């Protein structure tokens, strides 16, 4: 069972912080492979944090509203950004702004920070 640790502000009723454990989050299929999505609750529109296993060349897509930051944890490969391939390896970070068509190439494990919070309705494919 997925556990949440939350502290609410008595004045606003909003959460001051959220704590999640990635070992308790079920992976879901995504255009890049499989993602575990932390802080993905309707009450949170600020940002989410995803641990993504890219197991194959991912599907090119873009977002109209969301900026994503990819941080490579493991593996080597490429990130394709508007048709240009950028070599990546651990310790590489890439900021992807709205409208930029992108995909990961190779077997990688990344952290992905979508801002604002991830919204499946903001994934667009050609």
C-alpha atoms as a PDB file:
ATOM      1  CA  UNK A   1       0.000   0.000   0.000  1.00  0.00           C
ATOM      2  CA  UNK A   2       1.250   3.480  -0.906  1.00  0.00           C
ATOM      3  CA  UNK A   3       1.856   5.625   2.165  1.00  0.00           C
ATOM      4  CA  UNK A   4       1.735   9.416   2.253  1.00  0.00           C
ATOM      5  CA  UNK A   5       3.250  11.671   4.841  1.00  0.00           C
ATOM      6  CA  UNK A   6       1.538  15.047   4.824  1.00  0.00           C
ATOM      7  CA  UNK A   7       1.581  18.071   7.118  1.00  0.00           C
ATOM      8  CA  UNK A   8      -1.273  20.571   6.707  1.00  0.00           C
ATOM      9  CA  UNK A   9      -1.130  24.281   7.447  1.00  0.00           C
ATOM     10  CA  UNK A  10      -3.878  25.102   9.991  1.00  0.00           C
ATOM     11  CA  UNK A  11      -4.575  28.515   8.422  1.00  0.00           C
ATOM     12  CA  UNK A  12      -4.840  27.537   4.736  1.00  0.00           C
ATOM     13  CA  UNK A  13      -5.715  23.848   5.027  1.00  0.00           C
ATOM     14  CA  UNK A  14      -3.110  23.140   2.338  1.00  0.00           C
ATOM     15  CA  UNK A  15      -0.256  20.679   2.686  1.00  0.00           C
ATOM     16  CA  UNK A  16       3.051  22.235   3.725  1.00  0.00           C
ATOM     17  CA  UNK A  17       4.908  19.178   2.442  1.00  0.00           C
ATOM     18  CA  UNK A  18       4.444  15.733   0.953  1.00  0.00           C
ATOM     19  CA  UNK A  19       6.756  12.736   1.381  1.00  0.00           C
ATOM     20  CA  UNK A  20       6.687   9.669  -0.875  1.00  0.00           C
ATOM     21  CA  UNK A  21       8.731   6.494  -1.168  1.00  0.00           C
ATOM     22  CA  UNK A  22       9.502   5.358  -4.698  1.00  0.00           C
ATOM     23  CA  UNK A  23       9.602   1.721  -3.537  1.00  0.00           C
ATOM     24  CA  UNK A  24       5.855   2.033  -2.819  1.00  0.00           C
ATOM     25  CA  UNK A  25       4.863   3.593  -6.150  1.00  0.00           C
ATOM     26  CA  UNK A  26       3.632   1.301  -8.923  1.00  0.00           C
ATOM     27  CA  UNK A  27       5.258   1.845 -12.319  1.00  0.00           C
ATOM     28  CA  UNK A  28       2.981   2.853 -15.194  1.00  0.00           C
ATOM     29  CA  UNK A  29       3.607   2.640 -18.931  1.00  0.00           C
ATOM     30  CA  UNK A  30       4.528   5.957 -20.540  1.00  0.00           C
ATOM     31  CA  UNK A  31       5.854   7.064 -23.979  1.00  0.00           C
ATOM     32  CA  UNK A  32       9.413   6.679 -22.627  1.00  0.00           C
ATOM     33  CA  UNK A  33       9.117   3.278 -20.923  1.00  0.00           C
ATOM     34  CA  UNK A  34       7.914   2.863 -17.331  1.00  0.00           C
ATOM     35  CA  UNK A  35       7.499   5.690 -14.810  1.00  0.00           C
ATOM     36  CA  UNK A  36       6.949   5.906 -11.069  1.00  0.00           C
ATOM     37  CA  UNK A  37       5.208   9.250 -10.455  1.00  0.00           C
ATOM     38  CA  UNK A  38       5.604  10.886  -7.051  1.00  0.00           C
ATOM     39  CA  UNK A  39       3.297  13.658  -5.803  1.00  0.00           C
ATOM     40  CA  UNK A  40       0.791  12.963  -8.606  1.00  0.00           C
ATOM     41  CA  UNK A  41      -2.413  13.881  -6.773  1.00  0.00           C
ATOM     42  CA  UNK A  42      -5.146  16.292  -7.912  1.00  0.00           C
ATOM     43  CA  UNK A  43      -4.448  18.675  -5.007  1.00  0.00           C
ATOM     44  CA  UNK A  44      -0.861  19.207  -6.217  1.00  0.00           C
ATOM     45  CA  UNK A  45      -0.490  21.336  -9.340  1.00  0.00           C
ATOM     46  CA  UNK A  46       3.039  22.627  -8.599  1.00  0.00           C
ATOM     47  CA  UNK A  47       5.375  19.860  -9.841  1.00  0.00           C
ATOM     48  CA  UNK A  48       5.804  16.097  -9.818  1.00  0.00           C
ATOM     49  CA  UNK A  49       8.869  13.863  -9.714  1.00  0.00           C
ATOM     50  CA  UNK A  50       9.108  10.760 -11.885  1.00  0.00           C
ATOM     51  CA  UNK A  51      11.677   7.978 -11.896  1.00  0.00           C
ATOM     52  CA  UNK A  52      11.641   6.637 -15.446  1.00  0.00           C
ATOM     53  CA  UNK A  53      13.165   3.441 -16.830  1.00  0.00           C
ATOM     54  CA  UNK A  54      13.675   3.990 -20.535  1.00  0.00           C
ATOM     55  CA  UNK A  55      13.910   0.458 -21.875  1.00  0.00           C
ATOM     56  CA  UNK A  56      13.828   1.197 -25.594  1.00  0.00           C
ATOM     57  CA  UNK A  57      13.761   4.143 -27.902  1.00  0.00           C
ATOM     58  CA  UNK A  58      10.884   6.213 -26.643  1.00  0.00           C
ATOM     59  CA  UNK A  59       8.097   7.795 -28.666  1.00  0.00           C
ATOM     60  CA  UNK A  60       8.595  11.402 -29.768  1.00  0.00           C
ATOM     61  CA  UNK A  61       6.140  13.771 -28.094  1.00  0.00           C
ATOM     62  CA  UNK A  62       5.777  17.314 -26.798  1.00  0.00           C
ATOM     63  CA  UNK A  63       3.857  19.282 -24.203  1.00  0.00           C
ATOM     64  CA  UNK A  64       1.965  22.531 -24.720  1.00  0.00           C
ATOM     65  CA  UNK A  65       2.102  23.722 -21.088  1.00  0.00           C
ATOM     66  CA  UNK A  66       4.623  21.607 -19.221  1.00  0.00           C
ATOM     67  CA  UNK A  67       8.374  22.083 -18.877  1.00  0.00           C
ATOM     68  CA  UNK A  68      10.347  18.914 -18.063  1.00  0.00           C
ATOM     69  CA  UNK A  69      13.771  18.529 -16.523  1.00  0.00           C
ATOM     70  CA  UNK A  70      15.490  15.201 -17.203  1.00  0.00           C
ATOM     71  CA  UNK A  71      18.362  14.121 -14.956  1.00  0.00           C
ATOM     72  CA  UNK A  72      20.215  10.985 -16.053  1.00  0.00           C
ATOM     73  CA  UNK A  73      20.912   8.540 -13.217  1.00  0.00           C
ATOM     74  CA  UNK A  74      22.104   5.473 -15.146  1.00  0.00           C
ATOM     75  CA  UNK A  75      22.990   4.410 -18.681  1.00  0.00           C
ATOM     76  CA  UNK A  76      24.187   6.202 -21.771  1.00  0.00           C
ATOM     77  CA  UNK A  77      22.266   7.264 -24.836  1.00  0.00           C
ATOM     78  CA  UNK A  78      20.760  10.337 -26.407  1.00  0.00           C
ATOM     79  CA  UNK A  79      17.946  12.797 -25.913  1.00  0.00           C
ATOM     80  CA  UNK A  80      16.451  13.931 -29.202  1.00  0.00           C
ATOM     81  CA  UNK A  81      15.303  17.560 -29.019  1.00  0.00           C
ATOM     82  CA  UNK A  82      13.492  18.975 -32.067  1.00  0.00           C
ATOM     83  CA  UNK A  83      15.372  16.458 -34.237  1.00  0.00           C
ATOM     84  CA  UNK A  84      18.832  17.095 -32.749  1.00  0.00           C
ATOM     85  CA  UNK A  85      20.454  14.241 -30.800  1.00  0.00           C
ATOM     86  CA  UNK A  86      22.330  15.175 -27.630  1.00  0.00           C
ATOM     87  CA  UNK A  87      24.567  12.533 -26.002  1.00  0.00           C
ATOM     88  CA  UNK A  88      23.712  11.930 -22.333  1.00  0.00           C
ATOM     89  CA  UNK A  89      25.248   9.956 -19.493  1.00  0.00           C
ATOM     90  CA  UNK A  90      24.904   9.988 -15.696  1.00  0.00           C
ATOM     91  CA  UNK A  91      25.032  13.495 -14.198  1.00  0.00           C
ATOM     92  CA  UNK A  92      23.562  15.067 -17.369  1.00  0.00           C
ATOM     93  CA  UNK A  93      20.536  17.363 -16.947  1.00  0.00           C
ATOM     94  CA  UNK A  94      18.320  18.601 -19.778  1.00  0.00           C
ATOM     95  CA  UNK A  95      15.532  21.216 -19.551  1.00  0.00           C
ATOM     96  CA  UNK A  96      12.791  20.709 -22.156  1.00  0.00           C
ATOM     97  CA  UNK A  97      10.434  23.634 -22.666  1.00  0.00           C
ATOM     98  CA  UNK A  98       6.849  23.462 -23.954  1.00  0.00           C
ATOM     99  CA  UNK A  99       6.613  22.816 -27.691  1.00  0.00           C
ATOM    100  CA  UNK A 100       9.965  21.008 -27.962  1.00  0.00           C
ATOM    101  CA  UNK A 101       9.501  17.584 -29.535  1.00  0.00           C
ATOM    102  CA  UNK A 102      11.585  15.121 -27.569  1.00  0.00           C
ATOM    103  CA  UNK A 103      12.369  11.497 -26.858  1.00  0.00           C
ATOM    104  CA  UNK A 104      15.040   9.458 -25.130  1.00  0.00           C
ATOM    105  CA  UNK A 105      17.148   6.961 -27.065  1.00  0.00           C
ATOM    106  CA  UNK A 106      18.918   4.083 -25.352  1.00  0.00           C
ATOM    107  CA  UNK A 107      18.535   2.256 -22.066  1.00  0.00           C
ATOM    108  CA  UNK A 108      18.486   4.964 -19.394  1.00  0.00           C
ATOM    109  CA  UNK A 109      17.172   5.580 -15.885  1.00  0.00           C
ATOM    110  CA  UNK A 110      16.238   9.216 -15.352  1.00  0.00           C
ATOM    111  CA  UNK A 111      14.545  11.520 -12.892  1.00  0.00           C
ATOM    112  CA  UNK A 112      11.977  13.690 -14.648  1.00  0.00           C
ATOM    113  CA  UNK A 113      10.616  16.842 -13.021  1.00  0.00           C
ATOM    114  CA  UNK A 114       7.482  18.123 -14.803  1.00  0.00           C
ATOM    115  CA  UNK A 115       6.505  21.730 -14.010  1.00  0.00           C
ATOM    116  CA  UNK A 116       3.614  22.334 -13.509  1.00  0.00           C
ATOM    117  CA  UNK A 117       2.600  18.918 -12.187  1.00  0.00           C
ATOM    118  CA  UNK A 118       2.316  16.169 -14.797  1.00  0.00           C
ATOM    119  CA  UNK A 119      -0.937  16.102 -16.755  1.00  0.00           C
ATOM    120  CA  UNK A 120      -1.493  13.198 -19.165  1.00  0.00           C
ATOM    121  CA  UNK A 121      -3.756  15.436 -21.252  1.00  0.00           C
ATOM    122  CA  UNK A 122      -0.671  17.550 -22.074  1.00  0.00           C
ATOM    123  CA  UNK A 123       1.130  14.770 -23.992  1.00  0.00           C
ATOM    124  CA  UNK A 124       0.960  15.364 -27.741  1.00  0.00           C
ATOM    125  CA  UNK A 125       2.147  13.072 -30.543  1.00  0.00           C
ATOM    126  CA  UNK A 126       2.735  13.771 -34.234  1.00  0.00           C
END
